[in-house]
Every structure is written in C-alpha cells, then in structure tokens.
Amino acid sequence: MVEHRIPTLATARLTLRAPVMDDFPAVARLMASPRAAGMGGPFDTRAAWGIFCHGVALWQLLGHGALMIDLGATGECVGLVEINHGPRFPEKELGWQIYEGYEGNGYATEAAGALRDWAFATLALPTLVSYIDPGNVRSIAVAERLGAVLDPAAPQQDPDDLVYRHLARART
C-alpha cells in the first residue's frame, strides 16, 4: 500500500492544512446551511460527516483530498479547498467552500490556485474540473479568475452543473 502524505501549503496570506476533528463543527454548519444548495444540500449532520470524511479519506486512497484554509496571520479557519474524485465525480474536481462572513476577500481563489498548482506539479495531472451550480455566480467568478474555461462537452456531476476546466499547460 502506498502511503500518501497530506501536504501543508502556504500562500502569501493562507495556510492550507490537513483537516482535524475540531474542523468538523464548522463544516457541518456550512453543509446544513442554504449555502450548500449548490452542492446538493442542505445536509444533515450524518451526511455532513460523510462529506467531511470523504475529503480526509481521499488522501490515503488517491493522494489528494481536502485541506482547510487558515488565515496565516491569525490561524483562523475560513473554509476548505479540495480535490475530489470517486464514484460521485466523473473527473478529478477542484472545489472550494468559504465560510459565511469570509467571502469577497479572495481566499477561495488564492487557496484553490495553490492546491491546483500543487496537483499539477505533484500529481502530474493534465486537467482538473470544477462542477458549479449555474446560480453560484461567486464560484463561477473564482473559476474564471483561476483561468478555467467552460467545457460544455465534459461529463457533469449533476445534470444542471456547469463544468469549468483547469488545464495544467496554462500554468507554465
């Protein structure tokens, strides 16, 4: 069995680190809120636990998964970023969730860009996708700021999803 190490990534303002049990209550609140509607929610605690554990387990199973987003200056956790895969995801997906009250500061773009670049460099992935609900204008803007392009031919996670494609070659 291959042992995968969960990285810690740093940007100018953020630290991306492995999830710990103390992160679950905030993730559960996010997943129970109306903000989770674009991801198939809101979810009860049991489903939120499954989602949380999925992001943790992916590291051991596939060598990628969820990282929590901490503010470098204070250590306060403001959300998470992840590379998803498995039966629910037709392709490896770059996703991000920012907790209420922290939107509009560029944290999602900064964190997702760092994880994307790590995945392209470390995992040698040629592409990632982001599955986005068409009504989620903030996530669409993040994907576009990251340089992703709409790929209408890509398989969708859910029938109404927009699929934004991130290409590794665009990072050189």
Protein backbone atom coordinates (compact mmCIF):
# COMPACT_ATOMS: atom_id res chain seq x y z
CA MET A 1 0.00 0.00 0.00
CA VAL A 2 1.27 3.46 -0.90
CA GLU A 3 1.38 5.91 2.00
CA HIS A 4 0.34 9.42 0.94
CA ARG A 5 1.46 12.41 2.96
CA ILE A 6 -1.01 15.26 3.36
CA PRO A 7 0.84 18.44 2.42
CA THR A 8 0.74 21.80 4.12
CA LEU A 9 0.72 24.57 1.52
CA ALA A 10 1.36 28.24 2.17
CA THR A 11 0.43 31.30 0.14
CA ALA A 12 1.01 34.96 0.86
CA ARG A 13 -1.97 35.08 3.26
CA LEU A 14 -3.07 31.50 3.85
CA THR A 15 -2.01 28.14 5.21
CA LEU A 16 -3.69 25.07 3.71
CA ARG A 17 -3.51 22.16 6.15
CA ALA A 18 -4.90 18.73 6.89
CA PRO A 19 -8.40 18.59 8.38
CA VAL A 20 -8.67 17.70 12.07
CA MET A 21 -11.67 16.69 14.15
CA ASP A 22 -12.08 20.23 15.51
CA ASP A 23 -12.85 21.38 11.94
CA PHE A 24 -15.99 19.26 11.67
CA PRO A 25 -18.48 21.53 13.51
CA ALA A 26 -17.84 24.44 11.12
CA VAL A 27 -18.04 22.14 8.09
CA ALA A 28 -21.30 20.68 9.42
CA ARG A 29 -22.76 24.20 9.86
CA LEU A 30 -21.80 25.09 6.28
CA MET A 31 -23.28 21.86 4.93
CA ALA A 32 -26.53 22.42 6.90
CA SER A 33 -26.93 25.97 5.61
CA PRO A 34 -28.76 27.15 2.48
CA ARG A 35 -25.28 27.85 1.03
CA ALA A 36 -24.90 24.08 0.48
CA ALA A 37 -27.80 24.05 -2.01
CA GLY A 38 -25.40 24.24 -4.95
CA MET A 39 -23.75 21.04 -3.70
CA GLY A 40 -26.97 19.07 -3.30
CA GLY A 41 -27.68 20.24 0.25
CA PRO A 42 -28.51 21.37 2.78
CA PHE A 43 -27.25 18.23 4.53
CA ASP A 44 -27.96 16.82 7.97
CA THR A 45 -25.11 16.05 10.38
CA ARG A 46 -24.81 12.45 9.21
CA ALA A 47 -24.40 13.45 5.56
CA ALA A 48 -22.02 16.28 6.50
CA TRP A 49 -19.90 13.74 8.37
CA GLY A 50 -19.72 11.59 5.24
CA ILE A 51 -18.66 14.58 3.16
CA PHE A 52 -16.03 15.57 5.74
CA CYS A 53 -14.66 12.03 5.96
CA HIS A 54 -14.59 11.73 2.16
CA GLY A 55 -12.20 14.70 1.97
CA VAL A 56 -9.95 13.14 4.61
CA ALA A 57 -10.03 9.57 3.25
CA LEU A 58 -9.17 10.63 -0.30
CA TRP A 59 -5.63 11.46 0.87
CA GLN A 60 -4.94 7.84 1.77
CA LEU A 61 -6.88 6.36 -1.14
CA LEU A 62 -5.89 8.65 -4.01
CA GLY A 63 -3.15 11.01 -2.80
CA HIS A 64 -5.36 14.11 -2.79
CA GLY A 65 -8.31 15.39 -0.81
CA ALA A 66 -9.45 18.29 1.38
CA LEU A 67 -7.30 20.96 3.01
CA MET A 68 -8.57 23.50 5.49
CA ILE A 69 -7.91 27.19 4.76
CA ASP A 70 -6.38 29.08 7.68
CA LEU A 71 -5.52 32.76 7.73
CA GLY A 72 -1.75 32.94 8.02
CA ALA A 73 -1.83 35.92 10.37
CA THR A 74 -4.29 34.51 12.91
CA GLY A 75 -4.68 30.78 12.23
CA GLU A 76 -8.45 31.24 11.98
CA CYS A 77 -10.06 28.69 9.65
CA VAL A 78 -12.14 30.33 6.89
CA GLY A 79 -13.11 27.35 4.74
CA LEU A 80 -11.74 24.45 2.77
CA VAL A 81 -10.42 23.56 -0.64
CA GLU A 82 -10.26 20.08 -2.10
CA ILE A 83 -9.61 17.77 -4.98
CA ASN A 84 -12.48 15.29 -5.13
CA HIS A 85 -12.82 12.03 -7.04
CA GLY A 86 -14.58 8.74 -6.66
CA PRO A 87 -17.95 7.41 -7.82
CA ARG A 88 -19.75 10.76 -7.50
CA PHE A 89 -17.20 12.68 -9.59
CA PRO A 90 -16.70 11.88 -13.30
CA GLU A 91 -13.30 13.64 -13.21
CA LYS A 92 -10.98 14.96 -10.52
CA GLU A 93 -12.68 18.09 -9.22
CA LEU A 94 -11.13 21.20 -7.72
CA GLY A 95 -13.65 22.58 -5.23
CA TRP A 96 -13.75 25.31 -2.60
CA GLN A 97 -16.06 26.41 0.20
CA ILE A 98 -15.62 29.61 2.16
CA TYR A 99 -17.44 30.07 5.44
CA GLU A 100 -20.08 32.76 5.77
CA GLY A 101 -18.61 36.16 6.54
CA TYR A 102 -15.28 35.49 4.80
CA GLU A 103 -16.42 35.78 1.17
CA GLY A 104 -15.13 38.54 -1.05
CA ASN A 105 -11.56 38.52 0.26
CA GLY A 106 -10.02 36.38 -2.48
CA TYR A 107 -9.44 33.42 -0.15
CA ALA A 108 -11.13 30.88 -2.45
CA THR A 109 -9.12 32.00 -5.48
CA GLU A 110 -5.84 32.04 -3.55
CA ALA A 111 -6.40 28.65 -1.91
CA ALA A 112 -7.78 26.91 -4.99
CA GLY A 113 -4.93 28.26 -7.11
CA ALA A 114 -2.37 26.91 -4.65
CA LEU A 115 -3.99 23.45 -4.49
CA ARG A 116 -4.43 23.37 -8.28
CA ASP A 117 -0.78 24.23 -8.84
CA TRP A 118 0.31 21.62 -6.27
CA ALA A 119 -1.83 18.97 -8.02
CA PHE A 120 -0.44 19.77 -11.44
CA ALA A 121 3.16 19.76 -10.18
CA THR A 122 2.99 16.88 -7.70
CA LEU A 123 0.36 14.56 -9.18
CA ALA A 124 1.20 15.45 -12.80
CA LEU A 125 -2.48 15.87 -13.61
CA PRO A 126 -3.15 17.31 -17.06
CA THR A 127 -6.51 18.77 -16.04
CA LEU A 128 -8.98 19.34 -13.23
CA VAL A 129 -12.61 20.41 -13.41
CA SER A 130 -14.86 22.44 -11.14
CA TYR A 131 -18.53 21.43 -11.04
CA ILE A 132 -20.54 24.58 -10.34
CA ASP A 133 -24.24 25.21 -9.90
CA PRO A 134 -25.28 27.75 -12.59
CA GLY A 135 -26.69 30.08 -9.91
CA ASN A 136 -23.44 30.23 -7.96
CA VAL A 137 -22.04 33.39 -9.52
CA ARG A 138 -19.28 33.70 -6.90
CA SER A 139 -17.86 30.27 -7.69
CA ILE A 140 -18.13 30.93 -11.42
CA ALA A 141 -16.10 34.10 -10.88
CA VAL A 142 -13.48 32.16 -8.88
CA ALA A 143 -13.16 29.55 -11.64
CA GLU A 144 -12.74 32.27 -14.26
CA ARG A 145 -10.17 34.16 -12.15
CA LEU A 146 -8.25 30.89 -11.94
CA GLY A 147 -8.21 30.75 -15.74
CA ALA A 148 -10.65 27.84 -16.06
CA VAL A 149 -12.86 27.72 -19.13
CA LEU A 150 -16.40 26.45 -19.51
CA ASP A 151 -16.39 22.94 -21.01
CA PRO A 152 -19.93 22.13 -22.18
CA ALA A 153 -18.80 18.72 -23.53
CA ALA A 154 -17.49 17.49 -20.15
CA PRO A 155 -19.49 14.96 -18.15
CA GLN A 156 -21.40 16.60 -15.32
CA GLN A 157 -21.63 15.56 -11.68
CA ASP A 158 -25.25 16.73 -11.57
CA PRO A 159 -27.43 17.35 -14.66
CA ASP A 160 -27.50 21.14 -14.29
CA ASP A 161 -23.82 21.64 -13.39
CA LEU A 162 -21.56 23.92 -15.32
CA VAL A 163 -18.15 22.31 -15.77
CA TYR A 164 -15.13 24.61 -15.73
CA ARG A 165 -11.86 23.06 -16.90
CA HIS A 166 -8.44 23.93 -15.47
CA LEU A 167 -5.54 22.97 -17.75
CA ALA A 168 -2.04 22.27 -16.47
CA ARG A 169 -0.36 23.61 -19.59
CA ALA A 170 -1.89 27.05 -18.89
CA ARG A 171 0.29 27.29 -15.74
CA THR A 172 3.66 27.28 -17.48
